[in-house]
Amino acid sequence: MDRRWILAGGGLLLLGIAGVAVVTAEPSKGPAFIAGDQPVTEDQVRQKLQSDGWSNAQIVRDGQYFEAIGSKDGQTAKVAVNSQTGRLRAVDDDDDD
């Protein structure tokens, strides 16, 4: 009977460690759009786009992201900036499932 308790305790310990690892795992990060890894505002995103040569930028909030569509170098482009980190949406972080 003691052996069962040891195995059960070991299993619970492993489950606990796995749970902590999942909770504290850092999500995949995209490249920095605005340096600092801290929350950014729509105005900061707009200013950064303008300083990078974008024109006619339209910015909308989509969950934790600011999605911007505008023109740069004669081409229309779209970016999504994480409002909590100032980083661009990672390639594998598409919420269109």
PDB file of N, CA and C in Angstrom:
ATOM      1  N   MET A   1       0.810  -1.186   0.000  1.00  0.00           N
ATOM      2  CA  MET A   1       0.000   0.000   0.000  1.00  0.00           C
ATOM      3  C   MET A   1       0.861   1.261   0.000  1.00  0.00           C
ATOM      4  N   ASP A   2       1.987   1.212   0.679  1.00  0.00           N
ATOM      5  CA  ASP A   2       2.875   2.357   0.710  1.00  0.00           C
ATOM      6  C   ASP A   2       3.405   2.680  -0.683  1.00  0.00           C
ATOM      7  N   ARG A   3       3.601   1.657  -1.471  1.00  0.00           N
ATOM      8  CA  ARG A   3       4.131   1.840  -2.828  1.00  0.00           C
ATOM      9  C   ARG A   3       3.131   2.638  -3.677  1.00  0.00           C
ATOM     10  N   ARG A   4       1.846   2.381  -3.510  1.00  0.00           N
ATOM     11  CA  ARG A   4       0.821   3.112  -4.256  1.00  0.00           C
ATOM     12  C   ARG A   4       0.839   4.588  -3.901  1.00  0.00           C
ATOM     13  N   TRP A   5       0.993   4.881  -2.620  1.00  0.00           N
ATOM     14  CA  TRP A   5       1.036   6.278  -2.188  1.00  0.00           C
ATOM     15  C   TRP A   5       2.258   6.991  -2.764  1.00  0.00           C
ATOM     16  N   ILE A   6       3.367   6.312  -2.811  1.00  0.00           N
ATOM     17  CA  ILE A   6       4.586   6.908  -3.371  1.00  0.00           C
ATOM     18  C   ILE A   6       4.398   7.184  -4.866  1.00  0.00           C
ATOM     19  N   LEU A   7       3.835   6.209  -5.578  1.00  0.00           N
ATOM     20  CA  LEU A   7       3.590   6.400  -7.011  1.00  0.00           C
ATOM     21  C   LEU A   7       2.571   7.513  -7.259  1.00  0.00           C
ATOM     22  N   ALA A   8       1.511   7.539  -6.468  1.00  0.00           N
ATOM     23  CA  ALA A   8       0.493   8.579  -6.619  1.00  0.00           C
ATOM     24  C   ALA A   8       1.092   9.955  -6.330  1.00  0.00           C
ATOM     25  N   GLY A   9       1.887  10.044  -5.278  1.00  0.00           N
ATOM     26  CA  GLY A   9       2.536  11.319  -4.944  1.00  0.00           C
ATOM     27  C   GLY A   9       3.492  11.770  -6.035  1.00  0.00           C
ATOM     28  N   GLY A  10       4.261  10.821  -6.580  1.00  0.00           N
ATOM     29  CA  GLY A  10       5.178  11.157  -7.668  1.00  0.00           C
ATOM     30  C   GLY A  10       4.437  11.627  -8.911  1.00  0.00           C
ATOM     31  N   GLY A  11       3.308  10.971  -9.207  1.00  0.00           N
ATOM     32  CA  GLY A  11       2.498  11.374 -10.361  1.00  0.00           C
ATOM     33  C   GLY A  11       1.924  12.768 -10.185  1.00  0.00           C
ATOM     34  N   LEU A  12       1.429  13.053  -8.989  1.00  0.00           N
ATOM     35  CA  LEU A  12       0.902  14.387  -8.709  1.00  0.00           C
ATOM     36  C   LEU A  12       1.996  15.449  -8.799  1.00  0.00           C
ATOM     37  N   LEU A  13       3.175  15.113  -8.330  1.00  0.00           N
ATOM     38  CA  LEU A  13       4.296  16.049  -8.415  1.00  0.00           C
ATOM     39  C   LEU A  13       4.627  16.358  -9.872  1.00  0.00           C
ATOM     40  N   LEU A  14       4.677  15.318 -10.707  1.00  0.00           N
ATOM     41  CA  LEU A  14       4.954  15.536 -12.125  1.00  0.00           C
ATOM     42  C   LEU A  14       3.870  16.360 -12.794  1.00  0.00           C
ATOM     43  N   LEU A  15       2.607  16.094 -12.462  1.00  0.00           N
ATOM     44  CA  LEU A  15       1.509  16.892 -13.011  1.00  0.00           C
ATOM     45  C   LEU A  15       1.623  18.350 -12.581  1.00  0.00           C
ATOM     46  N   GLY A  16       1.992  18.576 -11.348  1.00  0.00           N
ATOM     47  CA  GLY A  16       2.167  19.939 -10.850  1.00  0.00           C
ATOM     48  C   GLY A  16       3.274  20.673 -11.570  1.00  0.00           C
ATOM     49  N   ILE A  17       4.384  19.996 -11.776  1.00  0.00           N
ATOM     50  CA  ILE A  17       5.512  20.613 -12.487  1.00  0.00           C
ATOM     51  C   ILE A  17       5.120  20.934 -13.922  1.00  0.00           C
ATOM     52  N   ALA A  18       4.417  20.002 -14.578  1.00  0.00           N
ATOM     53  CA  ALA A  18       3.970  20.244 -15.958  1.00  0.00           C
ATOM     54  C   ALA A  18       3.003  21.419 -16.003  1.00  0.00           C
ATOM     55  N   GLY A  19       2.113  21.525 -15.032  1.00  0.00           N
ATOM     56  CA  GLY A  19       1.167  22.636 -14.991  1.00  0.00           C
ATOM     57  C   GLY A  19       1.856  23.969 -14.831  1.00  0.00           C
ATOM     58  N   VAL A  20       2.831  24.040 -13.960  1.00  0.00           N
ATOM     59  CA  VAL A  20       3.594  25.275 -13.765  1.00  0.00           C
ATOM     60  C   VAL A  20       4.334  25.642 -15.047  1.00  0.00           C
ATOM     61  N   ALA A  21       4.903  24.644 -15.717  1.00  0.00           N
ATOM     62  CA  ALA A  21       5.633  24.913 -16.962  1.00  0.00           C
ATOM     63  C   ALA A  21       4.708  25.471 -18.033  1.00  0.00           C
ATOM     64  N   VAL A  22       3.495  24.959 -18.118  1.00  0.00           N
ATOM     65  CA  VAL A  22       2.540  25.444 -19.118  1.00  0.00           C
ATOM     66  C   VAL A  22       2.120  26.871 -18.803  1.00  0.00           C
ATOM     67  N   VAL A  23       1.851  27.158 -17.552  1.00  0.00           N
ATOM     68  CA  VAL A  23       1.384  28.486 -17.159  1.00  0.00           C
ATOM     69  C   VAL A  23       2.466  29.540 -17.333  1.00  0.00           C
ATOM     70  N   THR A  24       3.698  29.204 -17.023  1.00  0.00           N
ATOM     71  CA  THR A  24       4.772  30.194 -17.084  1.00  0.00           C
ATOM     72  C   THR A  24       5.501  30.220 -18.414  1.00  0.00           C
ATOM     73  N   ALA A  25       5.147  29.333 -19.333  1.00  0.00           N
ATOM     74  CA  ALA A  25       5.819  29.315 -20.637  1.00  0.00           C
ATOM     75  C   ALA A  25       5.572  30.629 -21.359  1.00  0.00           C
ATOM     76  N   GLU A  26       6.601  31.167 -21.920  1.00  0.00           N
ATOM     77  CA  GLU A  26       6.506  32.422 -22.646  1.00  0.00           C
ATOM     78  C   GLU A  26       5.938  32.166 -24.034  1.00  0.00           C
ATOM     79  N   PRO A  27       4.870  32.890 -24.404  1.00  0.00           N
ATOM     80  CA  PRO A  27       4.318  32.691 -25.734  1.00  0.00           C
ATOM     81  C   PRO A  27       5.309  33.137 -26.800  1.00  0.00           C
ATOM     82  N   SER A  28       5.134  32.599 -28.001  1.00  0.00           N
ATOM     83  CA  SER A  28       6.049  32.973 -29.075  1.00  0.00           C
ATOM     84  C   SER A  28       5.951  34.470 -29.316  1.00  0.00           C
ATOM     85  N   LYS A  29       7.086  35.092 -29.479  1.00  0.00           N
ATOM     86  CA  LYS A  29       7.143  36.539 -29.649  1.00  0.00           C
ATOM     87  C   LYS A  29       7.467  36.874 -31.091  1.00  0.00           C
ATOM     88  N   GLY A  30       6.786  37.872 -31.580  1.00  0.00           N
ATOM     89  CA  GLY A  30       7.117  38.407 -32.881  1.00  0.00           C
ATOM     90  C   GLY A  30       8.209  39.450 -32.716  1.00  0.00           C
ATOM     91  N   PRO A  31       8.680  39.999 -33.821  1.00  0.00           N
ATOM     92  CA  PRO A  31       9.710  41.034 -33.736  1.00  0.00           C
ATOM     93  C   PRO A  31       9.173  42.310 -33.080  1.00  0.00           C
ATOM     94  N   ALA A  32      10.051  43.054 -32.433  1.00  0.00           N
ATOM     95  CA  ALA A  32       9.654  44.289 -31.759  1.00  0.00           C
ATOM     96  C   ALA A  32       9.282  45.343 -32.789  1.00  0.00           C
ATOM     97  N   PHE A  33       8.113  45.939 -32.626  1.00  0.00           N
ATOM     98  CA  PHE A  33       7.693  47.068 -33.454  1.00  0.00           C
ATOM     99  C   PHE A  33       7.982  48.354 -32.699  1.00  0.00           C
ATOM    100  N   ILE A  34       7.633  48.354 -31.412  1.00  0.00           N
ATOM    101  CA  ILE A  34       7.956  49.456 -30.515  1.00  0.00           C
ATOM    102  C   ILE A  34       8.736  48.841 -29.363  1.00  0.00           C
ATOM    103  N   ALA A  35       9.969  49.258 -29.189  1.00  0.00           N
ATOM    104  CA  ALA A  35      10.868  48.660 -28.195  1.00  0.00           C
ATOM    105  C   ALA A  35      10.337  48.856 -26.780  1.00  0.00           C
ATOM    106  N   GLY A  36      10.657  47.915 -25.911  1.00  0.00           N
ATOM    107  CA  GLY A  36      10.357  48.057 -24.502  1.00  0.00           C
ATOM    108  C   GLY A  36       9.569  46.928 -23.886  1.00  0.00           C
ATOM    109  N   ASP A  37       8.900  46.102 -24.690  1.00  0.00           N
ATOM    110  CA  ASP A  37       8.082  45.004 -24.160  1.00  0.00           C
ATOM    111  C   ASP A  37       7.132  45.472 -23.062  1.00  0.00           C
ATOM    112  N   GLN A  38       6.449  46.588 -23.326  1.00  0.00           N
ATOM    113  CA  GLN A  38       5.461  47.094 -22.387  1.00  0.00           C
ATOM    114  C   GLN A  38       4.247  47.587 -23.160  1.00  0.00           C
ATOM    115  N   PRO A  39       3.129  47.837 -22.490  1.00  0.00           N
ATOM    116  CA  PRO A  39       1.916  48.248 -23.195  1.00  0.00           C
ATOM    117  C   PRO A  39       2.121  49.505 -24.039  1.00  0.00           C
ATOM    118  N   VAL A  40       1.448  49.528 -25.194  1.00  0.00           N
ATOM    119  CA  VAL A  40       1.522  50.663 -26.108  1.00  0.00           C
ATOM    120  C   VAL A  40       0.112  51.153 -26.413  1.00  0.00           C
ATOM    121  N   THR A  41       0.018  52.397 -26.851  1.00  0.00           N
ATOM    122  CA  THR A  41      -1.268  52.995 -27.192  1.00  0.00           C
ATOM    123  C   THR A  41      -1.433  53.058 -28.706  1.00  0.00           C
ATOM    124  N   GLU A  42      -2.666  53.293 -29.122  1.00  0.00           N
ATOM    125  CA  GLU A  42      -2.937  53.448 -30.546  1.00  0.00           C
ATOM    126  C   GLU A  42      -2.146  54.623 -31.113  1.00  0.00           C
ATOM    127  N   ASP A  43      -2.024  55.691 -30.345  1.00  0.00           N
ATOM    128  CA  ASP A  43      -1.276  56.865 -30.798  1.00  0.00           C
ATOM    129  C   ASP A  43       0.205  56.533 -31.001  1.00  0.00           C
ATOM    130  N   GLN A  44       0.783  55.722 -30.129  1.00  0.00           N
ATOM    131  CA  GLN A  44       2.184  55.317 -30.302  1.00  0.00           C
ATOM    132  C   GLN A  44       2.348  54.491 -31.575  1.00  0.00           C
ATOM    133  N   VAL A  45       1.397  53.604 -31.836  1.00  0.00           N
ATOM    134  CA  VAL A  45       1.461  52.794 -33.056  1.00  0.00           C
ATOM    135  C   VAL A  45       1.372  53.702 -34.275  1.00  0.00           C
ATOM    136  N   ARG A  46       0.440  54.664 -34.247  1.00  0.00           N
ATOM    137  CA  ARG A  46       0.276  55.592 -35.368  1.00  0.00           C
ATOM    138  C   ARG A  46       1.564  56.400 -35.612  1.00  0.00           C
ATOM    139  N   GLN A  47       2.158  56.908 -34.541  1.00  0.00           N
ATOM    140  CA  GLN A  47       3.396  57.683 -34.674  1.00  0.00           C
ATOM    141  C   GLN A  47       4.527  56.837 -35.254  1.00  0.00           C
ATOM    142  N   LYS A  48       4.630  55.588 -34.816  1.00  0.00           N
ATOM    143  CA  LYS A  48       5.677  54.697 -35.323  1.00  0.00           C
ATOM    144  C   LYS A  48       5.468  54.413 -36.806  1.00  0.00           C
ATOM    145  N   LEU A  49       4.219  54.171 -37.195  1.00  0.00           N
ATOM    146  CA  LEU A  49       3.928  53.924 -38.608  1.00  0.00           C
ATOM    147  C   LEU A  49       4.318  55.141 -39.447  1.00  0.00           C
ATOM    148  N   GLN A  50       3.948  56.327 -38.997  1.00  0.00           N
ATOM    149  CA  GLN A  50       4.277  57.545 -39.737  1.00  0.00           C
ATOM    150  C   GLN A  50       5.784  57.750 -39.830  1.00  0.00           C
ATOM    151  N   SER A  51       6.496  57.482 -38.748  1.00  0.00           N
ATOM    152  CA  SER A  51       7.954  57.656 -38.780  1.00  0.00           C
ATOM    153  C   SER A  51       8.635  56.619 -39.668  1.00  0.00           C
ATOM    154  N   ASP A  52       7.963  55.470 -39.877  1.00  0.00           N
ATOM    155  CA  ASP A  52       8.495  54.433 -40.763  1.00  0.00           C
ATOM    156  C   ASP A  52       8.080  54.640 -42.217  1.00  0.00           C
ATOM    157  N   GLY A  53       7.364  55.743 -42.506  1.00  0.00           N
ATOM    158  CA  GLY A  53       7.018  56.050 -43.890  1.00  0.00           C
ATOM    159  C   GLY A  53       5.648  55.585 -44.345  1.00  0.00           C
ATOM    160  N   TRP A  54       4.789  55.170 -43.429  1.00  0.00           N
ATOM    161  CA  TRP A  54       3.442  54.747 -43.785  1.00  0.00           C
ATOM    162  C   TRP A  54       2.571  55.981 -43.986  1.00  0.00           C
ATOM    163  N   SER A  55       1.572  55.864 -44.856  1.00  0.00           N
ATOM    164  CA  SER A  55       0.586  56.930 -45.026  1.00  0.00           C
ATOM    165  C   SER A  55      -0.806  56.323 -45.040  1.00  0.00           C
ATOM    166  N   ASN A  56      -1.793  57.154 -44.784  1.00  0.00           N
ATOM    167  CA  ASN A  56      -3.199  56.731 -44.766  1.00  0.00           C
ATOM    168  C   ASN A  56      -3.439  55.538 -43.846  1.00  0.00           C
ATOM    169  N   ALA A  57      -2.800  55.527 -42.697  1.00  0.00           N
ATOM    170  CA  ALA A  57      -2.928  54.394 -41.777  1.00  0.00           C
ATOM    171  C   ALA A  57      -4.299  54.394 -41.101  1.00  0.00           C
ATOM    172  N   GLN A  58      -4.958  53.265 -41.161  1.00  0.00           N
ATOM    173  CA  GLN A  58      -6.225  53.030 -40.468  1.00  0.00           C
ATOM    174  C   GLN A  58      -5.933  52.004 -39.380  1.00  0.00           C
ATOM    175  N   ILE A  59      -6.223  52.331 -38.135  1.00  0.00           N
ATOM    176  CA  ILE A  59      -5.915  51.431 -37.020  1.00  0.00           C
ATOM    177  C   ILE A  59      -7.202  51.059 -36.304  1.00  0.00           C
ATOM    178  N   VAL A  60      -7.379  49.765 -36.084  1.00  0.00           N
ATOM    179  CA  VAL A  60      -8.527  49.275 -35.321  1.00  0.00           C
ATOM    180  C   VAL A  60      -8.037  48.326 -34.236  1.00  0.00           C
ATOM    181  N   ARG A  61      -8.796  48.252 -33.166  1.00  0.00           N
ATOM    182  CA  ARG A  61      -8.454  47.358 -32.057  1.00  0.00           C
ATOM    183  C   ARG A  61      -9.113  46.010 -32.311  1.00  0.00           C
ATOM    184  N   ASP A  62      -8.350  44.923 -32.208  1.00  0.00           N
ATOM    185  CA  ASP A  62      -8.878  43.571 -32.355  1.00  0.00           C
ATOM    186  C   ASP A  62      -8.336  42.742 -31.196  1.00  0.00           C
ATOM    187  N   GLY A  63      -9.090  42.687 -30.113  1.00  0.00           N
ATOM    188  CA  GLY A  63      -8.620  41.977 -28.922  1.00  0.00           C
ATOM    189  C   GLY A  63      -7.410  42.685 -28.341  1.00  0.00           C
ATOM    190  N   GLN A  64      -6.329  41.949 -28.192  1.00  0.00           N
ATOM    191  CA  GLN A  64      -5.120  42.562 -27.624  1.00  0.00           C
ATOM    192  C   GLN A  64      -4.227  43.182 -28.692  1.00  0.00           C
ATOM    193  N   TYR A  65      -4.678  43.192 -29.944  1.00  0.00           N
ATOM    194  CA  TYR A  65      -3.869  43.715 -31.034  1.00  0.00           C
ATOM    195  C   TYR A  65      -4.440  44.999 -31.611  1.00  0.00           C
ATOM    196  N   PHE A  66      -3.543  45.869 -32.082  1.00  0.00           N
ATOM    197  CA  PHE A  66      -3.909  46.976 -32.938  1.00  0.00           C
ATOM    198  C   PHE A  66      -3.600  46.512 -34.356  1.00  0.00           C
ATOM    199  N   GLU A  67      -4.608  46.453 -35.211  1.00  0.00           N
ATOM    200  CA  GLU A  67      -4.389  46.087 -36.606  1.00  0.00           C
ATOM    201  C   GLU A  67      -4.368  47.355 -37.429  1.00  0.00           C
ATOM    202  N   ALA A  68      -3.309  47.517 -38.191  1.00  0.00           N
ATOM    203  CA  ALA A  68      -3.133  48.722 -39.002  1.00  0.00           C
ATOM    204  C   ALA A  68      -3.032  48.353 -40.473  1.00  0.00           C
ATOM    205  N   ILE A  69      -3.754  49.100 -41.293  1.00  0.00           N
ATOM    206  CA  ILE A  69      -3.675  48.959 -42.745  1.00  0.00           C
ATOM    207  C   ILE A  69      -3.304  50.327 -43.287  1.00  0.00           C
ATOM    208  N   GLY A  70      -2.352  50.342 -44.192  1.00  0.00           N
ATOM    209  CA  GLY A  70      -1.918  51.611 -44.769  1.00  0.00           C
ATOM    210  C   GLY A  70      -1.033  51.386 -45.971  1.00  0.00           C
ATOM    211  N   SER A  71      -0.471  52.466 -46.467  1.00  0.00           N
ATOM    212  CA  SER A  71       0.394  52.408 -47.644  1.00  0.00           C
ATOM    213  C   SER A  71       1.831  52.704 -47.258  1.00  0.00           C
ATOM    214  N   LYS A  72       2.723  51.934 -47.853  1.00  0.00           N
ATOM    215  CA  LYS A  72       4.150  52.167 -47.670  1.00  0.00           C
ATOM    216  C   LYS A  72       4.842  51.772 -48.961  1.00  0.00           C
ATOM    217  N   ASP A  73       5.645  52.654 -49.481  1.00  0.00           N
ATOM    218  CA  ASP A  73       6.371  52.423 -50.731  1.00  0.00           C
ATOM    219  C   ASP A  73       5.431  52.059 -51.872  1.00  0.00           C
ATOM    220  N   GLY A  74       4.249  52.699 -51.900  1.00  0.00           N
ATOM    221  CA  GLY A  74       3.298  52.465 -52.972  1.00  0.00           C
ATOM    222  C   GLY A  74       2.519  51.166 -52.864  1.00  0.00           C
ATOM    223  N   GLN A  75       2.704  50.424 -51.806  1.00  0.00           N
ATOM    224  CA  GLN A  75       2.019  49.150 -51.601  1.00  0.00           C
ATOM    225  C   GLN A  75       1.130  49.242 -50.356  1.00  0.00           C
ATOM    226  N   THR A  76      -0.023  48.590 -50.412  1.00  0.00           N
ATOM    227  CA  THR A  76      -0.876  48.497 -49.240  1.00  0.00           C
ATOM    228  C   THR A  76      -0.390  47.331 -48.395  1.00  0.00           C
ATOM    229  N   ALA A  77      -0.288  47.560 -47.102  1.00  0.00           N
ATOM    230  CA  ALA A  77       0.208  46.523 -46.206  1.00  0.00           C
ATOM    231  C   ALA A  77      -0.604  46.541 -44.919  1.00  0.00           C
ATOM    232  N   LYS A  78      -0.492  45.450 -44.176  1.00  0.00           N
ATOM    233  CA  LYS A  78      -1.210  45.302 -42.911  1.00  0.00           C
ATOM    234  C   LYS A  78      -0.247  44.756 -41.864  1.00  0.00           C
ATOM    235  N   VAL A  79      -0.340  45.292 -40.648  1.00  0.00           N
ATOM    236  CA  VAL A  79       0.436  44.773 -39.527  1.00  0.00           C
ATOM    237  C   VAL A  79      -0.488  44.665 -38.317  1.00  0.00           C
ATOM    238  N   ALA A  80      -0.135  43.792 -37.406  1.00  0.00           N
ATOM    239  CA  ALA A  80      -0.862  43.654 -36.143  1.00  0.00           C
ATOM    240  C   ALA A  80       0.152  43.796 -35.017  1.00  0.00           C
ATOM    241  N   VAL A  81      -0.089  44.757 -34.138  1.00  0.00           N
ATOM    242  CA  VAL A  81       0.830  45.053 -33.040  1.00  0.00           C
ATOM    243  C   VAL A  81       0.169  44.675 -31.719  1.00  0.00           C
ATOM    244  N   ASN A  82       0.859  43.873 -30.920  1.00  0.00           N
ATOM    245  CA  ASN A  82       0.355  43.468 -29.619  1.00  0.00           C
ATOM    246  C   ASN A  82       0.337  44.685 -28.698  1.00  0.00           C
ATOM    247  N   SER A  83      -0.837  45.035 -28.182  1.00  0.00           N
ATOM    248  CA  SER A  83      -0.966  46.232 -27.349  1.00  0.00           C
ATOM    249  C   SER A  83      -0.289  46.074 -25.985  1.00  0.00           C
ATOM    250  N   GLN A  84       0.009  44.831 -25.588  1.00  0.00           N
ATOM    251  CA  GLN A  84       0.643  44.602 -24.292  1.00  0.00           C
ATOM    252  C   GLN A  84       2.164  44.600 -24.362  1.00  0.00           C
ATOM    253  N   THR A  85       2.723  44.320 -25.544  1.00  0.00           N
ATOM    254  CA  THR A  85       4.179  44.198 -25.660  1.00  0.00           C
ATOM    255  C   THR A  85       4.796  45.121 -26.700  1.00  0.00           C
ATOM    256  N   GLY A  86       4.002  45.650 -27.622  1.00  0.00           N
ATOM    257  CA  GLY A  86       4.550  46.481 -28.696  1.00  0.00           C
ATOM    258  C   GLY A  86       5.226  45.655 -29.777  1.00  0.00           C
ATOM    259  N   ARG A  87       4.990  44.346 -29.781  1.00  0.00           N
ATOM    260  CA  ARG A  87       5.599  43.466 -30.775  1.00  0.00           C
ATOM    261  C   ARG A  87       4.601  43.123 -31.866  1.00  0.00           C
ATOM    262  N   LEU A  88       5.139  42.830 -33.043  1.00  0.00           N
ATOM    263  CA  LEU A  88       4.301  42.398 -34.148  1.00  0.00           C
ATOM    264  C   LEU A  88       3.769  41.006 -33.873  1.00  0.00           C
ATOM    265  N   ARG A  89       2.587  40.710 -34.409  1.00  0.00           N
ATOM    266  CA  ARG A  89       2.005  39.377 -34.244  1.00  0.00           C
ATOM    267  C   ARG A  89       2.937  38.359 -34.870  1.00  0.00           C
ATOM    268  N   ALA A  90       3.231  37.303 -34.114  1.00  0.00           N
ATOM    269  CA  ALA A  90       4.082  36.235 -34.627  1.00  0.00           C
ATOM    270  C   ALA A  90       3.380  35.559 -35.790  1.00  0.00           C
ATOM    271  N   VAL A  91       4.141  35.014 -36.709  1.00  0.00           N
ATOM    272  CA  VAL A  91       3.594  34.374 -37.896  1.00  0.00           C
ATOM    273  C   VAL A  91       2.629  33.259 -37.533  1.00  0.00           C
ATOM    274  N   ASP A  92       2.936  32.466 -36.492  1.00  0.00           N
ATOM    275  CA  ASP A  92       2.077  31.344 -36.104  1.00  0.00           C
ATOM    276  C   ASP A  92       0.996  31.754 -35.099  1.00  0.00           C
ATOM    277  N   ASP A  93       0.815  33.051 -34.862  1.00  0.00           N
ATOM    278  CA  ASP A  93      -0.139  33.545 -33.894  1.00  0.00           C
ATOM    279  C   ASP A  93      -1.383  34.100 -34.561  1.00  0.00           C
ATOM    280  N   ASP A  94      -1.851  33.446 -35.624  1.00  0.00           N
ATOM    281  CA  ASP A  94      -3.005  33.890 -36.376  1.00  0.00           C
ATOM    282  C   ASP A  94      -4.268  33.354 -35.723  1.00  0.00           C
ATOM    283  N   ASP A  95      -5.215  34.228 -35.400  1.00  0.00           N
ATOM    284  CA  ASP A  95      -6.436  33.831 -34.699  1.00  0.00           C
ATOM    285  C   ASP A  95      -7.588  33.523 -35.641  1.00  0.00           C
ATOM    286  N   ASP A  96      -7.350  33.237 -36.904  1.00  0.00           N
ATOM    287  CA  ASP A  96      -8.405  33.017 -37.885  1.00  0.00           C
ATOM    288  C   ASP A  96      -8.879  31.580 -37.977  1.00  0.00           C
ATOM    289  N   ASP A  97      -8.616  30.766 -36.963  1.00  0.00           N
ATOM    290  CA  ASP A  97      -8.978  29.338 -37.002  1.00  0.00           C
ATOM    291  C   ASP A  97     -10.451  29.147 -37.150  1.00  0.00           C
TER     292      ASP A  97
END
